[in-house]
Amino acid sequence: MGTTLLIAFKDDHKVVIEHVGDSRAYVIRKGQIEQVTEDHTFVFQWSKEGLITPEEARTHNPRHGLTAALGVRGRSGHSDSAVAGEYLFTDVLGRSYGNC
C-alpha cells in the first residue's frame, strides 16, 4: 500500500507545490477557488483522454484508484518515491493556498 503526498515550499516571491496521488492543492484569490494540481487517478486520466465524461468520473467505481503513489512497488520491485507533479507560482501576493 502507498500514500499520497502534497508539499508546498514558499519564499517571498514564489510557491512551489509538488504532489503525488490525489492530494490536491487549491489557490484562493479574490473569492475564487481554483484547483491547481491534477489527480493521479485512473478516472482523471480516462476523463482527460476523453474515454469517460467528467460526470462519469465522479461516480465511476475505481474513481479512487491511483496511478501514482509513494511507497508502492512497481514492476521492477523497487519502491516508487518520485514526486509526480510540480507546480511553480511566482505571483503569490494576495493568494491563499489550501490542500486536501
PDB file of N, CA and C in Angstrom:
ATOM      1  N   MET A   1       0.836  -1.179   0.000  1.00  0.00           N
ATOM      2  CA  MET A   1       0.000   0.000   0.000  1.00  0.00           C
ATOM      3  C   MET A   1       0.876   1.236   0.000  1.00  0.00           C
ATOM      4  N   GLY A   2       0.429   2.278  -0.693  1.00  0.00           N
ATOM      5  CA  GLY A   2       1.181   3.516  -0.776  1.00  0.00           C
ATOM      6  C   GLY A   2       0.441   4.655  -0.111  1.00  0.00           C
ATOM      7  N   THR A   3       0.976   5.851  -0.298  1.00  0.00           N
ATOM      8  CA  THR A   3       0.355   7.040   0.261  1.00  0.00           C
ATOM      9  C   THR A   3       0.434   8.174  -0.745  1.00  0.00           C
ATOM     10  N   THR A   4      -0.438   9.156  -0.574  1.00  0.00           N
ATOM     11  CA  THR A   4      -0.374  10.361  -1.389  1.00  0.00           C
ATOM     12  C   THR A   4       0.404  11.414  -0.620  1.00  0.00           C
ATOM     13  N   LEU A   5       0.861  12.452  -1.327  1.00  0.00           N
ATOM     14  CA  LEU A   5       1.678  13.478  -0.682  1.00  0.00           C
ATOM     15  C   LEU A   5       1.503  14.796  -1.408  1.00  0.00           C
ATOM     16  N   LEU A   6       1.450  15.881  -0.652  1.00  0.00           N
ATOM     17  CA  LEU A   6       1.468  17.213  -1.207  1.00  0.00           C
ATOM     18  C   LEU A   6       2.381  18.058  -0.339  1.00  0.00           C
ATOM     19  N   ILE A   7       3.334  18.730  -0.977  1.00  0.00           N
ATOM     20  CA  ILE A   7       4.287  19.585  -0.267  1.00  0.00           C
ATOM     21  C   ILE A   7       4.276  20.947  -0.942  1.00  0.00           C
ATOM     22  N   ALA A   8       4.280  22.013  -0.147  1.00  0.00           N
ATOM     23  CA  ALA A   8       4.386  23.366  -0.689  1.00  0.00           C
ATOM     24  C   ALA A   8       5.558  24.071  -0.027  1.00  0.00           C
ATOM     25  N   PHE A   9       6.403  24.677  -0.843  1.00  0.00           N
ATOM     26  CA  PHE A   9       7.536  25.471  -0.383  1.00  0.00           C
ATOM     27  C   PHE A   9       7.267  26.915  -0.779  1.00  0.00           C
ATOM     28  N   LYS A  10       7.413  27.848   0.153  1.00  0.00           N
ATOM     29  CA  LYS A  10       7.145  29.252  -0.134  1.00  0.00           C
ATOM     30  C   LYS A  10       8.315  30.101   0.326  1.00  0.00           C
ATOM     31  N   ASP A  11       8.693  31.079  -0.532  1.00  0.00           N
ATOM     32  CA  ASP A  11       9.582  32.134  -0.083  1.00  0.00           C
ATOM     33  C   ASP A  11       8.893  33.455  -0.385  1.00  0.00           C
ATOM     34  N   ASP A  12       9.605  34.559  -0.403  1.00  0.00           N
ATOM     35  CA  ASP A  12       8.973  35.869  -0.558  1.00  0.00           C
ATOM     36  C   ASP A  12       8.198  36.034  -1.862  1.00  0.00           C
ATOM     37  N   HIS A  13       8.670  35.415  -2.954  1.00  0.00           N
ATOM     38  CA  HIS A  13       8.087  35.719  -4.252  1.00  0.00           C
ATOM     39  C   HIS A  13       7.593  34.513  -5.031  1.00  0.00           C
ATOM     40  N   LYS A  14       7.660  33.333  -4.477  1.00  0.00           N
ATOM     41  CA  LYS A  14       7.192  32.172  -5.238  1.00  0.00           C
ATOM     42  C   LYS A  14       6.730  31.058  -4.309  1.00  0.00           C
ATOM     43  N   VAL A  15       5.894  30.194  -4.855  1.00  0.00           N
ATOM     44  CA  VAL A  15       5.439  28.985  -4.183  1.00  0.00           C
ATOM     45  C   VAL A  15       5.673  27.827  -5.146  1.00  0.00           C
ATOM     46  N   VAL A  16       6.292  26.770  -4.652  1.00  0.00           N
ATOM     47  CA  VAL A  16       6.461  25.547  -5.436  1.00  0.00           C
ATOM     48  C   VAL A  16       5.638  24.471  -4.753  1.00  0.00           C
ATOM     49  N   ILE A  17       4.757  23.832  -5.511  1.00  0.00           N
ATOM     50  CA  ILE A  17       3.920  22.761  -4.980  1.00  0.00           C
ATOM     51  C   ILE A  17       4.283  21.477  -5.703  1.00  0.00           C
ATOM     52  N   GLU A  18       4.564  20.435  -4.954  1.00  0.00           N
ATOM     53  CA  GLU A  18       4.838  19.119  -5.517  1.00  0.00           C
ATOM     54  C   GLU A  18       3.855  18.137  -4.914  1.00  0.00           C
ATOM     55  N   HIS A  19       3.405  17.186  -5.741  1.00  0.00           N
ATOM     56  CA  HIS A  19       2.435  16.238  -5.204  1.00  0.00           C
ATOM     57  C   HIS A  19       2.481  14.933  -5.979  1.00  0.00           C
ATOM     58  N   VAL A  20       1.917  13.919  -5.347  1.00  0.00           N
ATOM     59  CA  VAL A  20       1.729  12.614  -5.976  1.00  0.00           C
ATOM     60  C   VAL A  20       0.425  12.046  -5.432  1.00  0.00           C
ATOM     61  N   GLY A  21      -0.334  11.380  -6.295  1.00  0.00           N
ATOM     62  CA  GLY A  21      -1.603  10.789  -5.875  1.00  0.00           C
ATOM     63  C   GLY A  21      -2.763  11.740  -6.084  1.00  0.00           C
ATOM     64  N   ASP A  22      -3.751  11.682  -5.191  1.00  0.00           N
ATOM     65  CA  ASP A  22      -4.919  12.534  -5.338  1.00  0.00           C
ATOM     66  C   ASP A  22      -5.040  13.572  -4.232  1.00  0.00           C
ATOM     67  N   SER A  23      -3.931  13.886  -3.563  1.00  0.00           N
ATOM     68  CA  SER A  23      -3.915  15.038  -2.661  1.00  0.00           C
ATOM     69  C   SER A  23      -3.926  16.279  -3.539  1.00  0.00           C
ATOM     70  N   ARG A  24      -4.781  17.228  -3.239  1.00  0.00           N
ATOM     71  CA  ARG A  24      -4.991  18.378  -4.124  1.00  0.00           C
ATOM     72  C   ARG A  24      -4.526  19.678  -3.492  1.00  0.00           C
ATOM     73  N   ALA A  25      -4.070  20.593  -4.358  1.00  0.00           N
ATOM     74  CA  ALA A  25      -3.745  21.956  -3.942  1.00  0.00           C
ATOM     75  C   ALA A  25      -4.708  22.908  -4.639  1.00  0.00           C
ATOM     76  N   TYR A  26      -5.094  23.946  -3.911  1.00  0.00           N
ATOM     77  CA  TYR A  26      -6.004  24.961  -4.427  1.00  0.00           C
ATOM     78  C   TYR A  26      -5.392  26.338  -4.219  1.00  0.00           C
ATOM     79  N   VAL A  27      -5.672  27.269  -5.135  1.00  0.00           N
ATOM     80  CA  VAL A  27      -5.331  28.675  -4.974  1.00  0.00           C
ATOM     81  C   VAL A  27      -6.632  29.422  -4.740  1.00  0.00           C
ATOM     82  N   ILE A  28      -6.631  30.279  -3.725  1.00  0.00           N
ATOM     83  CA  ILE A  28      -7.803  31.080  -3.398  1.00  0.00           C
ATOM     84  C   ILE A  28      -7.407  32.538  -3.573  1.00  0.00           C
ATOM     85  N   ARG A  29      -8.104  33.231  -4.493  1.00  0.00           N
ATOM     86  CA  ARG A  29      -7.781  34.624  -4.761  1.00  0.00           C
ATOM     87  C   ARG A  29      -9.050  35.367  -5.162  1.00  0.00           C
ATOM     88  N   LYS A  30      -9.273  36.494  -4.519  1.00  0.00           N
ATOM     89  CA  LYS A  30     -10.442  37.334  -4.815  1.00  0.00           C
ATOM     90  C   LYS A  30     -11.742  36.543  -4.759  1.00  0.00           C
ATOM     91  N   GLY A  31     -11.866  35.679  -3.749  1.00  0.00           N
ATOM     92  CA  GLY A  31     -13.089  34.911  -3.554  1.00  0.00           C
ATOM     93  C   GLY A  31     -13.274  33.733  -4.494  1.00  0.00           C
ATOM     94  N   GLN A  32     -12.306  33.459  -5.353  1.00  0.00           N
ATOM     95  CA  GLN A  32     -12.378  32.344  -6.294  1.00  0.00           C
ATOM     96  C   GLN A  32     -11.445  31.220  -5.838  1.00  0.00           C
ATOM     97  N   ILE A  33     -11.900  29.976  -5.952  1.00  0.00           N
ATOM     98  CA  ILE A  33     -11.101  28.805  -5.601  1.00  0.00           C
ATOM     99  C   ILE A  33     -10.789  28.050  -6.883  1.00  0.00           C
ATOM    100  N   GLU A  34      -9.506  27.751  -7.108  1.00  0.00           N
ATOM    101  CA  GLU A  34      -9.080  27.039  -8.312  1.00  0.00           C
ATOM    102  C   GLU A  34      -8.187  25.859  -7.935  1.00  0.00           C
ATOM    103  N   GLN A  35      -8.546  24.672  -8.393  1.00  0.00           N
ATOM    104  CA  GLN A  35      -7.695  23.505  -8.181  1.00  0.00           C
ATOM    105  C   GLN A  35      -6.500  23.632  -9.127  1.00  0.00           C
ATOM    106  N   VAL A  36      -5.288  23.509  -8.597  1.00  0.00           N
ATOM    107  CA  VAL A  36      -4.096  23.719  -9.422  1.00  0.00           C
ATOM    108  C   VAL A  36      -3.292  22.448  -9.670  1.00  0.00           C
ATOM    109  N   THR A  37      -3.671  21.363  -9.047  1.00  0.00           N
ATOM    110  CA  THR A  37      -2.993  20.089  -9.285  1.00  0.00           C
ATOM    111  C   THR A  37      -3.927  19.147 -10.028  1.00  0.00           C
ATOM    112  N   GLU A  38      -3.355  18.192 -10.695  1.00  0.00           N
ATOM    113  CA  GLU A  38      -4.129  17.162 -11.380  1.00  0.00           C
ATOM    114  C   GLU A  38      -4.017  15.861 -10.601  1.00  0.00           C
ATOM    115  N   ASP A  39      -5.160  15.213 -10.386  1.00  0.00           N
ATOM    116  CA  ASP A  39      -5.160  13.933  -9.671  1.00  0.00           C
ATOM    117  C   ASP A  39      -4.405  12.879 -10.467  1.00  0.00           C
ATOM    118  N   HIS A  40      -3.691  12.036  -9.772  1.00  0.00           N
ATOM    119  CA  HIS A  40      -3.039  10.879 -10.385  1.00  0.00           C
ATOM    120  C   HIS A  40      -3.917   9.653 -10.126  1.00  0.00           C
ATOM    121  N   THR A  41      -5.087   9.641 -10.817  1.00  0.00           N
ATOM    122  CA  THR A  41      -6.045   8.547 -10.683  1.00  0.00           C
ATOM    123  C   THR A  41      -6.407   8.038 -12.072  1.00  0.00           C
ATOM    124  N   PHE A  42      -6.912   6.822 -12.106  1.00  0.00           N
ATOM    125  CA  PHE A  42      -7.352   6.238 -13.371  1.00  0.00           C
ATOM    126  C   PHE A  42      -8.446   7.081 -14.009  1.00  0.00           C
ATOM    127  N   VAL A  43      -9.462   7.456 -13.227  1.00  0.00           N
ATOM    128  CA  VAL A  43     -10.594   8.165 -13.812  1.00  0.00           C
ATOM    129  C   VAL A  43     -10.206   9.559 -14.296  1.00  0.00           C
ATOM    130  N   PHE A  44      -9.278  10.233 -13.611  1.00  0.00           N
ATOM    131  CA  PHE A  44      -8.834  11.538 -14.115  1.00  0.00           C
ATOM    132  C   PHE A  44      -8.151  11.363 -15.470  1.00  0.00           C
ATOM    133  N   GLN A  45      -7.292  10.369 -15.573  1.00  0.00           N
ATOM    134  CA  GLN A  45      -6.594  10.118 -16.831  1.00  0.00           C
ATOM    135  C   GLN A  45      -7.584   9.748 -17.933  1.00  0.00           C
ATOM    136  N   TRP A  46      -8.525   8.876 -17.621  1.00  0.00           N
ATOM    137  CA  TRP A  46      -9.524   8.465 -18.609  1.00  0.00           C
ATOM    138  C   TRP A  46     -10.369   9.659 -19.055  1.00  0.00           C
ATOM    139  N   SER A  47     -10.744  10.522 -18.096  1.00  0.00           N
ATOM    140  CA  SER A  47     -11.527  11.710 -18.420  1.00  0.00           C
ATOM    141  C   SER A  47     -10.714  12.668 -19.287  1.00  0.00           C
ATOM    142  N   LYS A  48      -9.453  12.844 -18.948  1.00  0.00           N
ATOM    143  CA  LYS A  48      -8.568  13.717 -19.716  1.00  0.00           C
ATOM    144  C   LYS A  48      -8.406  13.223 -21.159  1.00  0.00           C
ATOM    145  N   GLU A  49      -8.387  11.896 -21.332  1.00  0.00           N
ATOM    146  CA  GLU A  49      -8.239  11.293 -22.655  1.00  0.00           C
ATOM    147  C   GLU A  49      -9.569  11.189 -23.402  1.00  0.00           C
ATOM    148  N   GLY A  50     -10.680  11.573 -22.737  1.00  0.00           N
ATOM    149  CA  GLY A  50     -11.989  11.535 -23.376  1.00  0.00           C
ATOM    150  C   GLY A  50     -12.642  10.170 -23.372  1.00  0.00           C
ATOM    151  N   LEU A  51     -12.108   9.231 -22.585  1.00  0.00           N
ATOM    152  CA  LEU A  51     -12.681   7.887 -22.533  1.00  0.00           C
ATOM    153  C   LEU A  51     -13.952   7.840 -21.680  1.00  0.00           C
ATOM    154  N   ILE A  52     -14.041   8.734 -20.686  1.00  0.00           N
ATOM    155  CA  ILE A  52     -15.248   8.876 -19.879  1.00  0.00           C
ATOM    156  C   ILE A  52     -15.500  10.372 -19.689  1.00  0.00           C
ATOM    157  N   THR A  53     -16.727  10.724 -19.378  1.00  0.00           N
ATOM    158  CA  THR A  53     -17.065  12.128 -19.147  1.00  0.00           C
ATOM    159  C   THR A  53     -16.722  12.516 -17.708  1.00  0.00           C
ATOM    160  N   PRO A  54     -16.572  13.823 -17.431  1.00  0.00           N
ATOM    161  CA  PRO A  54     -16.352  14.251 -16.046  1.00  0.00           C
ATOM    162  C   PRO A  54     -17.474  13.785 -15.116  1.00  0.00           C
ATOM    163  N   GLU A  55     -18.706  13.737 -15.626  1.00  0.00           N
ATOM    164  CA  GLU A  55     -19.833  13.266 -14.817  1.00  0.00           C
ATOM    165  C   GLU A  55     -19.664  11.785 -14.465  1.00  0.00           C
ATOM    166  N   GLU A  56     -19.233  10.967 -15.440  1.00  0.00           N
ATOM    167  CA  GLU A  56     -18.989   9.550 -15.180  1.00  0.00           C
ATOM    168  C   GLU A  56     -17.841   9.372 -14.192  1.00  0.00           C
ATOM    169  N   ALA A  57     -16.836  10.232 -14.280  1.00  0.00           N
ATOM    170  CA  ALA A  57     -15.673  10.132 -13.388  1.00  0.00           C
ATOM    171  C   ALA A  57     -16.070  10.308 -11.920  1.00  0.00           C
ATOM    172  N   ARG A  58     -17.067  11.162 -11.659  1.00  0.00           N
ATOM    173  CA  ARG A  58     -17.484  11.421 -10.272  1.00  0.00           C
ATOM    174  C   ARG A  58     -18.059  10.195  -9.580  1.00  0.00           C
ATOM    175  N   THR A  59     -18.639   9.265 -10.352  1.00  0.00           N
ATOM    176  CA  THR A  59     -19.285   8.114  -9.736  1.00  0.00           C
ATOM    177  C   THR A  59     -18.697   6.778 -10.193  1.00  0.00           C
ATOM    178  N   HIS A  60     -17.658   6.815 -11.005  1.00  0.00           N
ATOM    179  CA  HIS A  60     -17.066   5.583 -11.539  1.00  0.00           C
ATOM    180  C   HIS A  60     -16.526   4.728 -10.391  1.00  0.00           C
ATOM    181  N   ASN A  61     -16.711   3.418 -10.497  1.00  0.00           N
ATOM    182  CA  ASN A  61     -16.335   2.508  -9.415  1.00  0.00           C
ATOM    183  C   ASN A  61     -14.871   2.657  -8.959  1.00  0.00           C
ATOM    184  N   PRO A  62     -13.865   2.636  -9.850  1.00  0.00           N
ATOM    185  CA  PRO A  62     -12.487   2.765  -9.352  1.00  0.00           C
ATOM    186  C   PRO A  62     -11.995   4.218  -9.304  1.00  0.00           C
ATOM    187  N   ARG A  63     -12.887   5.181  -8.968  1.00  0.00           N
ATOM    188  CA  ARG A  63     -12.511   6.590  -9.043  1.00  0.00           C
ATOM    189  C   ARG A  63     -11.381   6.967  -8.092  1.00  0.00           C
ATOM    190  N   HIS A  64     -11.118   6.152  -7.099  1.00  0.00           N
ATOM    191  CA  HIS A  64     -10.034   6.455  -6.171  1.00  0.00           C
ATOM    192  C   HIS A  64      -8.775   5.630  -6.458  1.00  0.00           C
ATOM    193  N   GLY A  65      -8.782   4.870  -7.544  1.00  0.00           N
ATOM    194  CA  GLY A  65      -7.607   4.076  -7.911  1.00  0.00           C
ATOM    195  C   GLY A  65      -6.486   4.977  -8.396  1.00  0.00           C
ATOM    196  N   LEU A  66      -5.333   4.902  -7.756  1.00  0.00           N
ATOM    197  CA  LEU A  66      -4.211   5.798  -8.051  1.00  0.00           C
ATOM    198  C   LEU A  66      -3.319   5.258  -9.158  1.00  0.00           C
ATOM    199  N   THR A  67      -2.826   6.178  -9.985  1.00  0.00           N
ATOM    200  CA  THR A  67      -1.829   5.833 -10.998  1.00  0.00           C
ATOM    201  C   THR A  67      -0.426   6.163 -10.507  1.00  0.00           C
ATOM    202  N   ALA A  68      -0.315   6.919  -9.411  1.00  0.00           N
ATOM    203  CA  ALA A  68       0.976   7.259  -8.820  1.00  0.00           C
ATOM    204  C   ALA A  68       0.795   7.408  -7.315  1.00  0.00           C
ATOM    205  N   ALA A  69       1.743   6.878  -6.543  1.00  0.00           N
ATOM    206  CA  ALA A  69       1.709   6.978  -5.077  1.00  0.00           C
ATOM    207  C   ALA A  69       3.110   6.716  -4.546  1.00  0.00           C
ATOM    208  N   LEU A  70       3.375   7.157  -3.340  1.00  0.00           N
ATOM    209  CA  LEU A  70       4.651   6.876  -2.691  1.00  0.00           C
ATOM    210  C   LEU A  70       4.585   5.533  -1.982  1.00  0.00           C
ATOM    211  N   GLY A  71       5.668   4.794  -2.030  1.00  0.00           N
ATOM    212  CA  GLY A  71       5.762   3.547  -1.291  1.00  0.00           C
ATOM    213  C   GLY A  71       5.165   2.344  -1.980  1.00  0.00           C
ATOM    214  N   VAL A  72       4.798   2.480  -3.241  1.00  0.00           N
ATOM    215  CA  VAL A  72       4.227   1.360  -3.987  1.00  0.00           C
ATOM    216  C   VAL A  72       5.330   0.720  -4.816  1.00  0.00           C
ATOM    217  N   ARG A  73       5.396  -0.588  -4.757  1.00  0.00           N
ATOM    218  CA  ARG A  73       6.407  -1.284  -5.546  1.00  0.00           C
ATOM    219  C   ARG A  73       5.937  -1.421  -6.982  1.00  0.00           C
ATOM    220  N   GLY A  74       6.798  -0.985  -7.892  1.00  0.00           N
ATOM    221  CA  GLY A  74       6.488  -1.087  -9.310  1.00  0.00           C
ATOM    222  C   GLY A  74       6.873  -2.445  -9.851  1.00  0.00           C
ATOM    223  N   ARG A  75       6.817  -2.579 -11.162  1.00  0.00           N
ATOM    224  CA  ARG A  75       7.144  -3.846 -11.805  1.00  0.00           C
ATOM    225  C   ARG A  75       8.584  -4.265 -11.563  1.00  0.00           C
ATOM    226  N   SER A  76       9.462  -3.274 -11.328  1.00  0.00           N
ATOM    227  CA  SER A  76      10.869  -3.593 -11.091  1.00  0.00           C
ATOM    228  C   SER A  76      11.101  -4.148  -9.695  1.00  0.00           C
ATOM    229  N   GLY A  77      10.086  -4.017  -8.820  1.00  0.00           N
ATOM    230  CA  GLY A  77      10.225  -4.476  -7.449  1.00  0.00           C
ATOM    231  C   GLY A  77      10.769  -3.413  -6.525  1.00  0.00           C
ATOM    232  N   HIS A  78      11.129  -2.250  -7.065  1.00  0.00           N
ATOM    233  CA  HIS A  78      11.647  -1.153  -6.250  1.00  0.00           C
ATOM    234  C   HIS A  78      10.515  -0.202  -5.878  1.00  0.00           C
ATOM    235  N   SER A  79      10.651   0.415  -4.716  1.00  0.00           N
ATOM    236  CA  SER A  79       9.650   1.367  -4.266  1.00  0.00           C
ATOM    237  C   SER A  79       9.715   2.627  -5.116  1.00  0.00           C
ATOM    238  N   ASP A  80       8.562   3.119  -5.545  1.00  0.00           N
ATOM    239  CA  ASP A  80       8.481   4.339  -6.335  1.00  0.00           C
ATOM    240  C   ASP A  80       8.424   5.519  -5.383  1.00  0.00           C
ATOM    241  N   SER A  81       9.442   6.387  -5.410  1.00  0.00           N
ATOM    242  CA  SER A  81       9.453   7.514  -4.495  1.00  0.00           C
ATOM    243  C   SER A  81       9.506   8.850  -5.220  1.00  0.00           C
ATOM    244  N   ALA A  82       9.241   8.861  -6.519  1.00  0.00           N
ATOM    245  CA  ALA A  82       9.296  10.106  -7.281  1.00  0.00           C
ATOM    246  C   ALA A  82       8.030  10.923  -7.063  1.00  0.00           C
ATOM    247  N   VAL A  83       8.194  12.228  -7.012  1.00  0.00           N
ATOM    248  CA  VAL A  83       7.040  13.120  -6.952  1.00  0.00           C
ATOM    249  C   VAL A  83       6.552  13.308  -8.378  1.00  0.00           C
ATOM    250  N   ALA A  84       5.278  13.101  -8.596  1.00  0.00           N
ATOM    251  CA  ALA A  84       4.737  13.029  -9.955  1.00  0.00           C
ATOM    252  C   ALA A  84       4.336  14.372 -10.543  1.00  0.00           C
ATOM    253  N   GLY A  85       4.091  15.388  -9.756  1.00  0.00           N
ATOM    254  CA  GLY A  85       3.662  16.671 -10.292  1.00  0.00           C
ATOM    255  C   GLY A  85       4.332  17.817  -9.576  1.00  0.00           C
ATOM    256  N   GLU A  86       4.742  18.837 -10.330  1.00  0.00           N
ATOM    257  CA  GLU A  86       5.368  20.012  -9.728  1.00  0.00           C
ATOM    258  C   GLU A  86       4.768  21.265 -10.358  1.00  0.00           C
ATOM    259  N   TYR A  87       4.449  22.245  -9.525  1.00  0.00           N
ATOM    260  CA  TYR A  87       3.813  23.470  -9.971  1.00  0.00           C
ATOM    261  C   TYR A  87       4.537  24.646  -9.340  1.00  0.00           C
ATOM    262  N   LEU A  88       4.823  25.692 -10.127  1.00  0.00           N
ATOM    263  CA  LEU A  88       5.517  26.880  -9.652  1.00  0.00           C
ATOM    264  C   LEU A  88       4.615  28.090  -9.844  1.00  0.00           C
ATOM    265  N   PHE A  89       4.438  28.883  -8.793  1.00  0.00           N
ATOM    266  CA  PHE A  89       3.663  30.113  -8.853  1.00  0.00           C
ATOM    267  C   PHE A  89       4.577  31.255  -8.445  1.00  0.00           C
ATOM    268  N   THR A  90       4.683  32.280  -9.296  1.00  0.00           N
ATOM    269  CA  THR A  90       5.572  33.398  -8.991  1.00  0.00           C
ATOM    270  C   THR A  90       4.824  34.641  -8.543  1.00  0.00           C
ATOM    271  N   ASP A  91       3.544  34.762  -8.835  1.00  0.00           N
ATOM    272  CA  ASP A  91       2.735  35.895  -8.411  1.00  0.00           C
ATOM    273  C   ASP A  91       1.949  35.481  -7.173  1.00  0.00           C
ATOM    274  N   VAL A  92       2.583  35.549  -6.007  1.00  0.00           N
ATOM    275  CA  VAL A  92       1.963  34.983  -4.812  1.00  0.00           C
ATOM    276  C   VAL A  92       1.268  36.020  -3.924  1.00  0.00           C
ATOM    277  N   LEU A  93       1.431  37.302  -4.230  1.00  0.00           N
ATOM    278  CA  LEU A  93       0.787  38.312  -3.387  1.00  0.00           C
ATOM    279  C   LEU A  93      -0.723  38.236  -3.550  1.00  0.00           C
ATOM    280  N   GLY A  94      -1.440  38.269  -2.441  1.00  0.00           N
ATOM    281  CA  GLY A  94      -2.889  38.251  -2.467  1.00  0.00           C
ATOM    282  C   GLY A  94      -3.497  36.882  -2.695  1.00  0.00           C
ATOM    283  N   ARG A  95      -2.690  35.835  -2.688  1.00  0.00           N
ATOM    284  CA  ARG A  95      -3.207  34.482  -2.882  1.00  0.00           C
ATOM    285  C   ARG A  95      -3.118  33.702  -1.574  1.00  0.00           C
ATOM    286  N   SER A  96      -4.068  32.819  -1.392  1.00  0.00           N
ATOM    287  CA  SER A  96      -4.008  31.853  -0.296  1.00  0.00           C
ATOM    288  C   SER A  96      -3.967  30.464  -0.926  1.00  0.00           C
ATOM    289  N   TYR A  97      -3.353  29.534  -0.246  1.00  0.00           N
ATOM    290  CA  TYR A  97      -3.221  28.175  -0.769  1.00  0.00           C
ATOM    291  C   TYR A  97      -3.832  27.213   0.234  1.00  0.00           C
ATOM    292  N   GLY A  98      -4.506  26.192  -0.300  1.00  0.00           N
ATOM    293  CA  GLY A  98      -5.101  25.164   0.545  1.00  0.00           C
ATOM    294  C   GLY A  98      -4.845  23.800  -0.045  1.00  0.00           C
ATOM    295  N   ASN A  99      -4.956  22.790   0.779  1.00  0.00           N
ATOM    296  CA  ASN A  99      -4.796  21.423   0.258  1.00  0.00           C
ATOM    297  C   ASN A  99      -5.789  20.499   0.935  1.00  0.00           C
ATOM    298  N   CYS A 100      -6.071  19.383   0.250  1.00  0.00           N
ATOM    299  CA  CYS A 100      -6.912  18.339   0.839  1.00  0.00           C
ATOM    300  C   CYS A 100      -6.598  17.025   0.163  1.00  0.00           C
TER     301      CYS A 100
END
